Amino acid sequence: MNSWQQRFDDRIMRSMGMPLAKLERGEGAWVWDDAGNRYLDFLAGIAVNSLGHAHPVFVEAVATQAGRLAHVSNYFMTEPALELAERITRLAGAGDSGRAWFGNSGAEANEAAFKLARLNNSGGGRTRVLALVDAFHGRTMGSLALTGKAHMRDPFEPLPGGVEHISGDDRGARGIRRRRRRRAHRRTHPGRGRGRRVARWVPRVGA
């Protein structure tokens, strides 16, 4: 164990495994570690750094906003947040009734979808949530309940109930049709990043 790994082990909770490297800088799709090795960044912050690293437009936008206002919580509003919400709903084709919801992570977005399903449950008649076996949806309690990986869920049981995990093959497609009347929400990622497989039936099954 080298110096930075020891510091990590001493002071940072091991909710994840040991980091693969200690990165120092990035440029576009490339990153460099503390030993000067260059890597092509296929991970992109787990699919969030669409502009790459140190893009001048991104750097300028962040610096400009940081020089004006930092985080203001959801008790206040800012012009950039309004502009972003308007742009998202327009690009999504959401129409006049469309609304944007801002969260900090994919796990938080999944939690919000879970809660929306429970709020809009047809008077308690549609409470079941379907998710795929082997799919990963996050590590918070609600999103972990949706995650179809027993080794991730088991240490944290009991988790929020009403979730059923089905296979991503044709048997799962038939099951989802049978459960449609009682289903409040279906949580699927057609390309399961941590599941490493594609659910064949997702394009064929309606909401």
N, C-alpha and C. Protein backbone atom coordinates (compact mmCIF):
# COMPACT_ATOMS: atom_id res chain seq x y z
N MET A 1 0.85 -1.19 0.00
CA MET A 1 0.00 0.00 0.00
C MET A 1 0.88 1.24 0.00
N ASN A 2 0.70 2.11 -1.01
CA ASN A 2 1.53 3.31 -1.08
C ASN A 2 0.99 4.42 -0.18
N SER A 3 1.62 5.59 -0.25
CA SER A 3 1.31 6.67 0.68
C SER A 3 -0.14 7.16 0.58
N TRP A 4 -0.61 7.44 -0.64
CA TRP A 4 -1.98 7.98 -0.75
C TRP A 4 -3.01 6.91 -0.43
N GLN A 5 -2.72 5.66 -0.75
CA GLN A 5 -3.63 4.59 -0.39
C GLN A 5 -3.74 4.43 1.13
N GLN A 6 -2.62 4.58 1.82
CA GLN A 6 -2.65 4.50 3.28
C GLN A 6 -3.45 5.66 3.87
N ARG A 7 -3.25 6.86 3.33
CA ARG A 7 -4.03 8.03 3.80
C ARG A 7 -5.51 7.81 3.56
N PHE A 8 -5.86 7.27 2.38
CA PHE A 8 -7.25 6.95 2.09
C PHE A 8 -7.80 5.96 3.10
N ASP A 9 -7.04 4.89 3.35
CA ASP A 9 -7.48 3.84 4.26
C ASP A 9 -7.65 4.36 5.68
N ASP A 10 -6.83 5.33 6.08
CA ASP A 10 -6.87 5.87 7.43
C ASP A 10 -8.02 6.83 7.66
N ARG A 11 -8.46 7.54 6.62
CA ARG A 11 -9.36 8.67 6.86
C ARG A 11 -10.67 8.66 6.07
N ILE A 12 -10.83 7.80 5.08
CA ILE A 12 -12.04 7.81 4.25
C ILE A 12 -12.78 6.49 4.42
N MET A 13 -14.09 6.58 4.68
CA MET A 13 -14.89 5.38 4.90
C MET A 13 -14.86 4.49 3.66
N ARG A 14 -14.81 3.20 3.87
CA ARG A 14 -14.69 2.25 2.78
C ARG A 14 -16.07 1.81 2.28
N SER A 15 -16.87 2.77 1.86
CA SER A 15 -18.15 2.43 1.23
C SER A 15 -17.93 1.88 -0.17
N MET A 16 -16.77 2.15 -0.73
CA MET A 16 -16.37 1.60 -2.02
C MET A 16 -15.00 0.95 -1.84
N GLY A 17 -14.53 0.26 -2.86
CA GLY A 17 -13.21 -0.33 -2.79
C GLY A 17 -12.11 0.72 -2.90
N MET A 18 -10.87 0.25 -2.82
CA MET A 18 -9.73 1.14 -2.95
C MET A 18 -9.74 1.79 -4.33
N PRO A 19 -9.60 3.11 -4.44
CA PRO A 19 -9.56 3.77 -5.75
C PRO A 19 -8.46 3.20 -6.64
N LEU A 20 -8.71 3.24 -7.95
CA LEU A 20 -7.79 2.63 -8.90
C LEU A 20 -6.51 3.43 -9.06
N ALA A 21 -6.59 4.74 -8.89
CA ALA A 21 -5.42 5.58 -9.06
C ALA A 21 -5.70 6.93 -8.41
N LYS A 22 -4.67 7.71 -8.19
CA LYS A 22 -4.81 9.08 -7.69
C LYS A 22 -4.57 10.01 -8.88
N LEU A 23 -5.66 10.60 -9.38
CA LEU A 23 -5.58 11.44 -10.56
C LEU A 23 -5.20 12.86 -10.18
N GLU A 24 -4.41 13.48 -11.05
CA GLU A 24 -3.92 14.84 -10.78
C GLU A 24 -4.56 15.89 -11.68
N ARG A 25 -4.80 15.56 -12.93
CA ARG A 25 -5.36 16.55 -13.85
C ARG A 25 -5.98 15.84 -15.04
N GLY A 26 -6.76 16.62 -15.81
CA GLY A 26 -7.37 16.07 -17.01
C GLY A 26 -7.44 17.13 -18.10
N GLU A 27 -7.55 16.67 -19.32
CA GLU A 27 -7.70 17.56 -20.47
C GLU A 27 -8.50 16.82 -21.53
N GLY A 28 -9.71 17.31 -21.81
CA GLY A 28 -10.56 16.60 -22.75
C GLY A 28 -10.92 15.22 -22.23
N ALA A 29 -10.63 14.20 -23.03
CA ALA A 29 -10.94 12.83 -22.64
C ALA A 29 -9.76 12.13 -21.97
N TRP A 30 -8.69 12.87 -21.66
CA TRP A 30 -7.50 12.28 -21.07
C TRP A 30 -7.34 12.70 -19.61
N VAL A 31 -6.80 11.79 -18.79
CA VAL A 31 -6.47 12.12 -17.40
C VAL A 31 -5.06 11.61 -17.11
N TRP A 32 -4.41 12.24 -16.13
CA TRP A 32 -3.07 11.86 -15.71
C TRP A 32 -3.06 11.56 -14.22
N ASP A 33 -2.34 10.50 -13.84
CA ASP A 33 -2.25 10.18 -12.42
C ASP A 33 -1.02 10.84 -11.80
N ASP A 34 -0.80 10.57 -10.51
CA ASP A 34 0.27 11.25 -9.79
C ASP A 34 1.65 10.77 -10.20
N ALA A 35 1.71 9.70 -11.00
CA ALA A 35 3.00 9.23 -11.52
C ALA A 35 3.25 9.70 -12.94
N GLY A 36 2.34 10.51 -13.48
CA GLY A 36 2.50 11.04 -14.83
C GLY A 36 1.97 10.14 -15.92
N ASN A 37 1.33 9.02 -15.57
CA ASN A 37 0.76 8.13 -16.57
C ASN A 37 -0.52 8.73 -17.15
N ARG A 38 -0.69 8.62 -18.46
CA ARG A 38 -1.86 9.17 -19.13
C ARG A 38 -2.85 8.06 -19.46
N TYR A 39 -4.15 8.35 -19.25
CA TYR A 39 -5.20 7.37 -19.51
C TYR A 39 -6.32 8.02 -20.33
N LEU A 40 -6.92 7.22 -21.22
CA LEU A 40 -8.12 7.66 -21.91
C LEU A 40 -9.31 7.38 -20.99
N ASP A 41 -10.03 8.42 -20.65
CA ASP A 41 -11.06 8.33 -19.61
C ASP A 41 -12.38 7.82 -20.19
N PHE A 42 -12.54 6.51 -20.22
CA PHE A 42 -13.79 5.93 -20.68
C PHE A 42 -14.88 6.02 -19.61
N LEU A 43 -14.52 6.17 -18.35
CA LEU A 43 -15.51 6.19 -17.27
C LEU A 43 -16.27 7.52 -17.21
N ALA A 44 -15.56 8.62 -17.45
CA ALA A 44 -16.17 9.96 -17.49
C ALA A 44 -17.00 10.26 -16.24
N GLY A 45 -16.40 9.98 -15.08
CA GLY A 45 -17.12 10.28 -13.82
C GLY A 45 -18.38 9.46 -13.66
N ILE A 46 -18.39 8.24 -14.19
CA ILE A 46 -19.57 7.37 -14.30
C ILE A 46 -20.62 8.08 -15.16
N ALA A 47 -20.22 8.38 -16.37
CA ALA A 47 -21.11 8.89 -17.42
C ALA A 47 -21.74 10.24 -17.10
N VAL A 48 -20.97 11.15 -16.50
CA VAL A 48 -21.51 12.49 -16.24
C VAL A 48 -20.64 13.61 -16.83
N ASN A 49 -19.40 13.32 -17.18
CA ASN A 49 -18.52 14.36 -17.70
C ASN A 49 -18.59 14.40 -19.23
N SER A 50 -19.73 14.82 -19.74
CA SER A 50 -19.92 14.79 -21.19
C SER A 50 -19.02 15.79 -21.92
N LEU A 51 -18.56 16.82 -21.23
CA LEU A 51 -17.68 17.80 -21.85
C LEU A 51 -16.21 17.48 -21.65
N GLY A 52 -15.92 16.37 -20.98
CA GLY A 52 -14.53 16.04 -20.70
C GLY A 52 -13.99 16.90 -19.56
N HIS A 53 -12.68 16.95 -19.46
CA HIS A 53 -12.01 17.67 -18.37
C HIS A 53 -11.44 19.00 -18.85
N ALA A 54 -11.62 20.01 -18.03
CA ALA A 54 -11.00 21.32 -18.25
C ALA A 54 -11.42 21.97 -19.57
N HIS A 55 -12.63 21.68 -20.04
CA HIS A 55 -13.12 22.35 -21.25
C HIS A 55 -13.23 23.85 -20.96
N PRO A 56 -12.68 24.69 -21.81
CA PRO A 56 -12.62 26.13 -21.49
C PRO A 56 -13.99 26.77 -21.28
N VAL A 57 -15.01 26.35 -22.01
CA VAL A 57 -16.35 26.92 -21.82
C VAL A 57 -16.89 26.53 -20.44
N PHE A 58 -16.70 25.28 -20.05
CA PHE A 58 -17.14 24.81 -18.74
C PHE A 58 -16.38 25.52 -17.62
N VAL A 59 -15.07 25.65 -17.77
CA VAL A 59 -14.26 26.33 -16.76
C VAL A 59 -14.71 27.77 -16.59
N GLU A 60 -14.96 28.45 -17.70
CA GLU A 60 -15.40 29.85 -17.63
C GLU A 60 -16.77 29.97 -16.96
N ALA A 61 -17.70 29.08 -17.31
CA ALA A 61 -19.03 29.13 -16.72
C ALA A 61 -19.00 28.89 -15.22
N VAL A 62 -18.22 27.89 -14.77
CA VAL A 62 -18.11 27.59 -13.35
C VAL A 62 -17.45 28.75 -12.60
N ALA A 63 -16.38 29.29 -13.17
CA ALA A 63 -15.68 30.40 -12.52
C ALA A 63 -16.58 31.64 -12.42
N THR A 64 -17.34 31.92 -13.47
CA THR A 64 -18.24 33.07 -13.46
C THR A 64 -19.30 32.92 -12.38
N GLN A 65 -19.92 31.73 -12.31
CA GLN A 65 -20.95 31.51 -11.30
C GLN A 65 -20.38 31.53 -9.89
N ALA A 66 -19.22 30.91 -9.70
CA ALA A 66 -18.59 30.90 -8.38
C ALA A 66 -18.23 32.32 -7.92
N GLY A 67 -17.92 33.18 -8.87
CA GLY A 67 -17.60 34.57 -8.53
C GLY A 67 -18.83 35.41 -8.24
N ARG A 68 -20.01 34.87 -8.51
CA ARG A 68 -21.25 35.60 -8.29
C ARG A 68 -22.05 35.03 -7.12
N LEU A 69 -22.32 33.74 -7.15
CA LEU A 69 -23.08 33.05 -6.11
C LEU A 69 -22.63 31.60 -6.05
N ALA A 70 -22.58 31.05 -4.84
CA ALA A 70 -22.35 29.61 -4.70
C ALA A 70 -23.70 28.94 -4.49
N HIS A 71 -23.75 27.90 -3.71
CA HIS A 71 -25.01 27.18 -3.48
C HIS A 71 -25.96 28.03 -2.65
N VAL A 72 -27.24 28.08 -3.05
CA VAL A 72 -28.20 28.92 -2.33
C VAL A 72 -29.35 28.10 -1.75
N SER A 73 -29.29 26.77 -1.86
CA SER A 73 -30.33 25.85 -1.38
C SER A 73 -31.61 26.00 -2.19
N ASN A 74 -32.61 25.20 -1.86
CA ASN A 74 -33.88 25.30 -2.58
C ASN A 74 -34.85 26.29 -1.94
N TYR A 75 -34.37 27.06 -0.99
CA TYR A 75 -35.19 28.15 -0.45
C TYR A 75 -35.15 29.39 -1.34
N PHE A 76 -34.21 29.43 -2.26
CA PHE A 76 -34.05 30.59 -3.14
C PHE A 76 -33.93 30.12 -4.59
N MET A 77 -34.04 31.03 -5.52
CA MET A 77 -33.95 30.71 -6.93
C MET A 77 -32.90 31.61 -7.58
N THR A 78 -32.30 31.11 -8.65
CA THR A 78 -31.33 31.88 -9.42
C THR A 78 -31.72 31.85 -10.89
N GLU A 79 -31.24 32.79 -11.65
CA GLU A 79 -31.54 32.86 -13.07
C GLU A 79 -31.01 31.65 -13.84
N PRO A 80 -29.76 31.19 -13.58
CA PRO A 80 -29.30 30.00 -14.32
C PRO A 80 -30.17 28.77 -14.09
N ALA A 81 -30.69 28.59 -12.87
CA ALA A 81 -31.55 27.44 -12.59
C ALA A 81 -32.85 27.53 -13.37
N LEU A 82 -33.43 28.72 -13.45
CA LEU A 82 -34.66 28.91 -14.22
C LEU A 82 -34.42 28.65 -15.71
N GLU A 83 -33.32 29.18 -16.21
CA GLU A 83 -33.00 28.98 -17.63
C GLU A 83 -32.78 27.50 -17.94
N LEU A 84 -32.11 26.79 -17.04
CA LEU A 84 -31.88 25.36 -17.26
C LEU A 84 -33.18 24.57 -17.25
N ALA A 85 -34.07 24.87 -16.30
CA ALA A 85 -35.35 24.17 -16.24
C ALA A 85 -36.17 24.41 -17.51
N GLU A 86 -36.17 25.64 -17.98
CA GLU A 86 -36.91 25.96 -19.21
C GLU A 86 -36.33 25.24 -20.42
N ARG A 87 -35.01 25.15 -20.46
CA ARG A 87 -34.36 24.49 -21.60
C ARG A 87 -34.60 22.98 -21.56
N ILE A 88 -34.50 22.39 -20.37
CA ILE A 88 -34.71 20.94 -20.24
C ILE A 88 -36.11 20.55 -20.66
N THR A 89 -37.12 21.27 -20.16
CA THR A 89 -38.50 20.92 -20.49
C THR A 89 -38.79 21.14 -21.96
N ARG A 90 -38.17 22.16 -22.56
CA ARG A 90 -38.36 22.40 -23.99
C ARG A 90 -37.73 21.27 -24.82
N LEU A 91 -36.49 20.91 -24.50
CA LEU A 91 -35.80 19.87 -25.25
C LEU A 91 -36.47 18.50 -25.06
N ALA A 92 -37.07 18.29 -23.89
CA ALA A 92 -37.75 17.02 -23.62
C ALA A 92 -39.12 16.95 -24.27
N GLY A 93 -39.60 18.08 -24.82
CA GLY A 93 -40.93 18.10 -25.42
C GLY A 93 -42.02 17.92 -24.39
N ALA A 94 -41.79 18.44 -23.16
CA ALA A 94 -42.72 18.21 -22.06
C ALA A 94 -43.98 19.06 -22.14
N GLY A 95 -44.00 20.06 -22.99
CA GLY A 95 -45.19 20.89 -23.13
C GLY A 95 -45.38 21.85 -21.98
N ASP A 96 -46.53 22.50 -21.95
CA ASP A 96 -46.80 23.51 -20.93
C ASP A 96 -46.88 22.94 -19.52
N SER A 97 -47.23 21.66 -19.40
CA SER A 97 -47.37 21.07 -18.07
C SER A 97 -46.08 20.44 -17.57
N GLY A 98 -45.02 20.43 -18.38
CA GLY A 98 -43.76 19.80 -17.99
C GLY A 98 -43.05 20.57 -16.89
N ARG A 99 -42.41 19.83 -16.01
CA ARG A 99 -41.65 20.42 -14.91
C ARG A 99 -40.30 19.71 -14.82
N ALA A 100 -39.27 20.45 -14.45
CA ALA A 100 -37.95 19.86 -14.22
C ALA A 100 -37.76 19.64 -12.72
N TRP A 101 -37.03 18.61 -12.40
CA TRP A 101 -36.66 18.35 -11.00
C TRP A 101 -35.15 18.20 -10.94
N PHE A 102 -34.51 18.95 -10.05
CA PHE A 102 -33.05 18.93 -9.95
C PHE A 102 -32.62 18.09 -8.74
N GLY A 103 -31.69 17.18 -8.97
CA GLY A 103 -31.15 16.36 -7.90
C GLY A 103 -29.63 16.32 -7.98
N ASN A 104 -29.04 15.68 -6.99
CA ASN A 104 -27.58 15.65 -6.90
C ASN A 104 -26.95 14.41 -7.53
N SER A 105 -27.75 13.39 -7.79
CA SER A 105 -27.16 12.13 -8.26
C SER A 105 -28.24 11.26 -8.89
N GLY A 106 -27.80 10.19 -9.55
CA GLY A 106 -28.74 9.23 -10.09
C GLY A 106 -29.54 8.55 -9.00
N ALA A 107 -28.89 8.26 -7.87
CA ALA A 107 -29.60 7.63 -6.75
C ALA A 107 -30.72 8.52 -6.26
N GLU A 108 -30.46 9.81 -6.16
CA GLU A 108 -31.50 10.74 -5.70
C GLU A 108 -32.63 10.84 -6.72
N ALA A 109 -32.30 10.80 -7.99
CA ALA A 109 -33.33 10.81 -9.03
C ALA A 109 -34.20 9.56 -8.93
N ASN A 110 -33.59 8.40 -8.67
CA ASN A 110 -34.35 7.18 -8.51
C ASN A 110 -35.24 7.22 -7.27
N GLU A 111 -34.72 7.80 -6.20
CA GLU A 111 -35.53 7.98 -4.99
C GLU A 111 -36.76 8.83 -5.30
N ALA A 112 -36.57 9.90 -6.06
CA ALA A 112 -37.68 10.78 -6.41
C ALA A 112 -38.71 10.04 -7.26
N ALA A 113 -38.24 9.23 -8.22
CA ALA A 113 -39.17 8.46 -9.06
C ALA A 113 -39.95 7.46 -8.23
N PHE A 114 -39.28 6.84 -7.27
CA PHE A 114 -39.92 5.89 -6.35
C PHE A 114 -41.03 6.60 -5.56
N LYS A 115 -40.72 7.77 -5.04
CA LYS A 115 -41.70 8.52 -4.25
C LYS A 115 -42.86 9.02 -5.10
N LEU A 116 -42.56 9.45 -6.34
CA LEU A 116 -43.64 9.88 -7.24
C LEU A 116 -44.59 8.74 -7.53
N ALA A 117 -44.03 7.53 -7.70
CA ALA A 117 -44.87 6.37 -7.95
C ALA A 117 -45.80 6.11 -6.77
N ARG A 118 -45.30 6.29 -5.57
CA ARG A 118 -46.12 6.07 -4.38
C ARG A 118 -47.18 7.16 -4.23
N LEU A 119 -46.85 8.37 -4.62
CA LEU A 119 -47.83 9.46 -4.53
C LEU A 119 -48.96 9.30 -5.54
N ASN A 120 -48.63 8.79 -6.73
CA ASN A 120 -49.60 8.63 -7.80
C ASN A 120 -49.96 7.15 -7.95
N ASN A 121 -50.59 6.60 -6.93
CA ASN A 121 -50.81 5.15 -6.89
C ASN A 121 -52.26 4.75 -7.05
N SER A 122 -53.06 5.61 -7.67
CA SER A 122 -54.47 5.30 -7.93
C SER A 122 -55.21 4.93 -6.65
N GLY A 123 -55.02 5.73 -5.64
CA GLY A 123 -55.73 5.50 -4.38
C GLY A 123 -55.29 4.26 -3.64
N GLY A 124 -54.04 3.86 -3.81
CA GLY A 124 -53.52 2.68 -3.14
C GLY A 124 -53.65 1.41 -3.93
N GLY A 125 -54.21 1.49 -5.15
CA GLY A 125 -54.40 0.29 -5.95
C GLY A 125 -53.20 -0.10 -6.79
N ARG A 126 -52.24 0.82 -6.94
CA ARG A 126 -51.05 0.53 -7.77
C ARG A 126 -49.81 0.90 -6.98
N THR A 127 -49.34 -0.01 -6.17
CA THR A 127 -48.22 0.29 -5.28
C THR A 127 -46.96 -0.50 -5.61
N ARG A 128 -47.08 -1.53 -6.43
CA ARG A 128 -45.92 -2.37 -6.69
C ARG A 128 -44.97 -1.71 -7.69
N VAL A 129 -43.67 -1.85 -7.43
CA VAL A 129 -42.64 -1.32 -8.31
C VAL A 129 -41.84 -2.50 -8.85
N LEU A 130 -41.65 -2.52 -10.17
CA LEU A 130 -40.89 -3.58 -10.82
C LEU A 130 -39.52 -3.06 -11.23
N ALA A 131 -38.51 -3.87 -10.95
CA ALA A 131 -37.13 -3.54 -11.35
C ALA A 131 -36.46 -4.81 -11.84
N LEU A 132 -35.36 -4.66 -12.56
CA LEU A 132 -34.70 -5.80 -13.17
C LEU A 132 -33.68 -6.46 -12.24
N VAL A 133 -33.64 -7.78 -12.30
CA VAL A 133 -32.58 -8.53 -11.63
C VAL A 133 -31.23 -8.08 -12.21
N ASP A 134 -30.26 -7.90 -11.36
CA ASP A 134 -28.88 -7.51 -11.70
C ASP A 134 -28.73 -6.03 -12.01
N ALA A 135 -29.81 -5.27 -12.06
CA ALA A 135 -29.68 -3.84 -12.35
C ALA A 135 -29.20 -3.09 -11.11
N PHE A 136 -28.53 -1.99 -11.33
CA PHE A 136 -28.02 -1.14 -10.24
C PHE A 136 -28.68 0.23 -10.33
N HIS A 137 -29.26 0.70 -9.22
CA HIS A 137 -29.97 1.98 -9.23
C HIS A 137 -29.48 2.95 -8.16
N GLY A 138 -28.52 2.55 -7.33
CA GLY A 138 -27.99 3.46 -6.33
C GLY A 138 -27.81 2.78 -4.99
N ARG A 139 -27.25 3.53 -4.04
CA ARG A 139 -26.91 2.97 -2.73
C ARG A 139 -27.69 3.59 -1.58
N THR A 140 -28.58 4.54 -1.86
CA THR A 140 -29.47 5.02 -0.80
C THR A 140 -30.53 3.96 -0.55
N MET A 141 -31.29 4.07 0.54
CA MET A 141 -32.17 2.97 0.94
C MET A 141 -33.24 2.67 -0.11
N GLY A 142 -33.88 3.70 -0.67
CA GLY A 142 -34.90 3.46 -1.68
C GLY A 142 -34.32 2.92 -2.97
N SER A 143 -33.25 3.53 -3.45
CA SER A 143 -32.65 3.07 -4.70
C SER A 143 -31.99 1.70 -4.53
N LEU A 144 -31.54 1.40 -3.31
CA LEU A 144 -30.98 0.08 -3.05
C LEU A 144 -32.08 -0.98 -3.08
N ALA A 145 -33.28 -0.62 -2.63
CA ALA A 145 -34.40 -1.55 -2.72
C ALA A 145 -34.70 -1.89 -4.18
N LEU A 146 -34.47 -0.94 -5.09
CA LEU A 146 -34.69 -1.17 -6.52
C LEU A 146 -33.56 -1.96 -7.17
N THR A 147 -32.38 -1.91 -6.57
CA THR A 147 -31.21 -2.57 -7.13
C THR A 147 -31.37 -4.09 -7.08
N GLY A 148 -31.19 -4.74 -8.22
CA GLY A 148 -31.42 -6.17 -8.32
C GLY A 148 -30.20 -7.02 -8.03
N LYS A 149 -29.46 -6.66 -7.00
CA LYS A 149 -28.25 -7.39 -6.63
C LYS A 149 -28.32 -7.71 -5.14
N ALA A 150 -28.56 -8.97 -4.83
CA ALA A 150 -28.78 -9.37 -3.45
C ALA A 150 -27.58 -9.06 -2.55
N HIS A 151 -26.37 -9.21 -3.07
CA HIS A 151 -25.19 -8.99 -2.22
C HIS A 151 -25.06 -7.52 -1.81
N MET A 152 -25.67 -6.61 -2.58
CA MET A 152 -25.67 -5.20 -2.18
C MET A 152 -26.81 -4.89 -1.23
N ARG A 153 -27.94 -5.56 -1.41
CA ARG A 153 -29.13 -5.27 -0.59
C ARG A 153 -29.09 -5.94 0.78
N ASP A 154 -28.63 -7.18 0.82
CA ASP A 154 -28.80 -7.99 2.03
C ASP A 154 -28.24 -7.35 3.31
N PRO A 155 -27.05 -6.71 3.28
CA PRO A 155 -26.54 -6.15 4.53
C PRO A 155 -27.39 -5.02 5.10
N PHE A 156 -28.31 -4.46 4.29
CA PHE A 156 -29.08 -3.29 4.73
C PHE A 156 -30.57 -3.58 4.92
N GLU A 157 -30.95 -4.85 4.84
CA GLU A 157 -32.35 -5.20 5.09
C GLU A 157 -32.72 -4.88 6.54
N PRO A 158 -34.01 -4.51 6.78
CA PRO A 158 -35.11 -4.44 5.80
C PRO A 158 -35.11 -3.13 5.02
N LEU A 159 -35.33 -3.25 3.73
CA LEU A 159 -35.41 -2.10 2.84
C LEU A 159 -36.86 -1.77 2.55
N PRO A 160 -37.15 -0.59 1.97
CA PRO A 160 -38.53 -0.27 1.60
C PRO A 160 -39.15 -1.38 0.75
N GLY A 161 -40.38 -1.73 1.07
CA GLY A 161 -41.03 -2.86 0.41
C GLY A 161 -41.80 -2.48 -0.85
N GLY A 162 -42.49 -3.47 -1.38
CA GLY A 162 -43.30 -3.25 -2.57
C GLY A 162 -42.54 -3.30 -3.86
N VAL A 163 -41.28 -3.79 -3.82
CA VAL A 163 -40.45 -3.88 -5.02
C VAL A 163 -40.32 -5.34 -5.41
N GLU A 164 -40.51 -5.63 -6.68
CA GLU A 164 -40.34 -6.98 -7.20
C GLU A 164 -39.32 -6.95 -8.32
N HIS A 165 -38.34 -7.85 -8.24
CA HIS A 165 -37.29 -7.93 -9.25
C HIS A 165 -37.63 -9.04 -10.24
N ILE A 166 -37.61 -8.70 -11.52
CA ILE A 166 -37.93 -9.65 -12.58
C ILE A 166 -36.76 -9.76 -13.54
N SER A 167 -36.73 -10.85 -14.28
CA SER A 167 -35.63 -11.07 -15.21
C SER A 167 -35.77 -10.18 -16.43
N GLY A 168 -34.65 -9.99 -17.13
CA GLY A 168 -34.66 -9.17 -18.33
C GLY A 168 -34.91 -9.94 -19.60
N ASP A 169 -35.34 -11.20 -19.48
CA ASP A 169 -35.61 -11.99 -20.68
C ASP A 169 -37.10 -11.98 -20.99
N ASP A 170 -37.54 -12.84 -21.88
CA ASP A 170 -38.93 -12.85 -22.31
C ASP A 170 -39.88 -13.24 -21.17
N ARG A 171 -39.40 -14.03 -20.20
CA ARG A 171 -40.24 -14.35 -19.05
C ARG A 171 -40.57 -13.09 -18.27
N GLY A 172 -39.58 -12.18 -18.14
CA GLY A 172 -39.83 -10.93 -17.46
C GLY A 172 -40.83 -10.07 -18.21
N ALA A 173 -40.78 -10.11 -19.56
CA ALA A 173 -41.74 -9.34 -20.36
C ALA A 173 -43.16 -9.83 -20.11
N ARG A 174 -43.33 -11.16 -20.07
CA ARG A 174 -44.67 -11.69 -19.80
C ARG A 174 -45.14 -11.33 -18.40
N GLY A 175 -44.19 -11.36 -17.45
CA GLY A 175 -44.55 -11.02 -16.07
C GLY A 175 -44.95 -9.58 -15.91
N ILE A 176 -44.28 -8.69 -16.63
CA ILE A 176 -44.60 -7.28 -16.50
C ILE A 176 -45.99 -6.98 -17.08
N ARG A 177 -46.38 -7.71 -18.11
CA ARG A 177 -47.73 -7.52 -18.66
C ARG A 177 -48.79 -8.02 -17.67
N ARG A 178 -48.52 -9.14 -16.99
CA ARG A 178 -49.48 -9.66 -16.03
C ARG A 178 -49.67 -8.72 -14.84
N ARG A 179 -48.61 -8.00 -14.47
CA ARG A 179 -48.65 -7.16 -13.28
C ARG A 179 -49.07 -5.73 -13.57
N ARG A 180 -49.42 -5.42 -14.81
CA ARG A 180 -49.63 -4.04 -15.21
C ARG A 180 -50.70 -3.33 -14.37
N ARG A 181 -51.78 -4.02 -14.02
CA ARG A 181 -52.86 -3.36 -13.30
C ARG A 181 -52.44 -2.92 -11.90
N ARG A 182 -51.51 -3.65 -11.29
CA ARG A 182 -51.11 -3.33 -9.93
C ARG A 182 -49.81 -2.53 -9.87
N ARG A 183 -49.23 -2.24 -11.04
CA ARG A 183 -47.92 -1.63 -11.06
C ARG A 183 -48.02 -0.11 -10.98
N ALA A 184 -47.28 0.49 -10.03
CA ALA A 184 -47.19 1.94 -9.93
C ALA A 184 -46.03 2.47 -10.76
N HIS A 185 -44.99 1.67 -10.90
CA HIS A 185 -43.78 2.19 -11.54
C HIS A 185 -42.93 1.03 -12.04
N ARG A 186 -42.31 1.22 -13.19
CA ARG A 186 -41.35 0.25 -13.69
C ARG A 186 -40.01 0.94 -13.81
N ARG A 187 -39.00 0.38 -13.14
CA ARG A 187 -37.68 1.00 -13.14
C ARG A 187 -36.75 0.17 -13.99
N THR A 188 -36.37 0.66 -15.17
CA THR A 188 -35.48 -0.10 -16.05
C THR A 188 -34.42 0.80 -16.65
N HIS A 189 -33.25 0.24 -16.82
CA HIS A 189 -32.20 0.82 -17.64
C HIS A 189 -31.94 -0.20 -18.74
N PRO A 190 -32.33 0.05 -19.99
CA PRO A 190 -32.13 -0.95 -21.04
C PRO A 190 -30.70 -1.46 -21.13
N GLY A 191 -29.72 -0.59 -20.96
CA GLY A 191 -28.33 -1.03 -20.88
C GLY A 191 -27.90 -0.98 -19.44
N ARG A 192 -27.78 -2.12 -18.79
CA ARG A 192 -27.47 -2.15 -17.37
C ARG A 192 -25.97 -2.06 -17.17
N GLY A 193 -25.49 -0.90 -16.70
CA GLY A 193 -24.05 -0.69 -16.58
C GLY A 193 -23.37 -1.70 -15.70
N ARG A 194 -23.86 -1.90 -14.48
CA ARG A 194 -23.25 -2.86 -13.58
C ARG A 194 -23.78 -4.26 -13.83
N GLY A 195 -24.92 -4.37 -14.53
CA GLY A 195 -25.46 -5.68 -14.83
C GLY A 195 -24.80 -6.30 -16.05
N ARG A 196 -24.20 -5.43 -16.92
CA ARG A 196 -23.44 -5.87 -18.09
C ARG A 196 -24.27 -6.63 -19.10
N ARG A 197 -25.58 -6.47 -19.08
CA ARG A 197 -26.43 -7.12 -20.07
C ARG A 197 -27.52 -6.14 -20.48
N VAL A 198 -28.11 -6.39 -21.62
CA VAL A 198 -29.20 -5.55 -22.11
C VAL A 198 -30.50 -6.33 -22.00
N ALA A 199 -31.52 -5.68 -21.43
CA ALA A 199 -32.82 -6.32 -21.33
C ALA A 199 -33.48 -6.33 -22.69
N ARG A 200 -33.68 -7.51 -23.26
CA ARG A 200 -34.15 -7.59 -24.65
C ARG A 200 -35.56 -7.06 -24.83
N TRP A 201 -36.38 -7.14 -23.79
CA TRP A 201 -37.79 -6.83 -23.97
C TRP A 201 -38.14 -5.38 -23.76
N VAL A 202 -37.21 -4.56 -23.25
CA VAL A 202 -37.57 -3.18 -22.89
C VAL A 202 -38.16 -2.39 -24.05
N PRO A 203 -37.61 -2.45 -25.28
CA PRO A 203 -38.21 -1.66 -26.37
C PRO A 203 -39.61 -2.13 -26.75
N ARG A 204 -39.99 -3.36 -26.36
CA ARG A 204 -41.27 -3.89 -26.81
C ARG A 204 -42.41 -3.69 -25.81
N VAL A 205 -42.06 -3.37 -24.58
CA VAL A 205 -43.08 -3.30 -23.53
C VAL A 205 -43.43 -1.85 -23.26
N GLY A 206 -44.70 -1.52 -23.35
CA GLY A 206 -45.15 -0.16 -23.10
C GLY A 206 -45.21 0.15 -21.62
N ALA A 207 -45.43 1.44 -21.30
CA ALA A 207 -45.50 1.86 -19.90
C ALA A 207 -46.81 1.42 -19.27
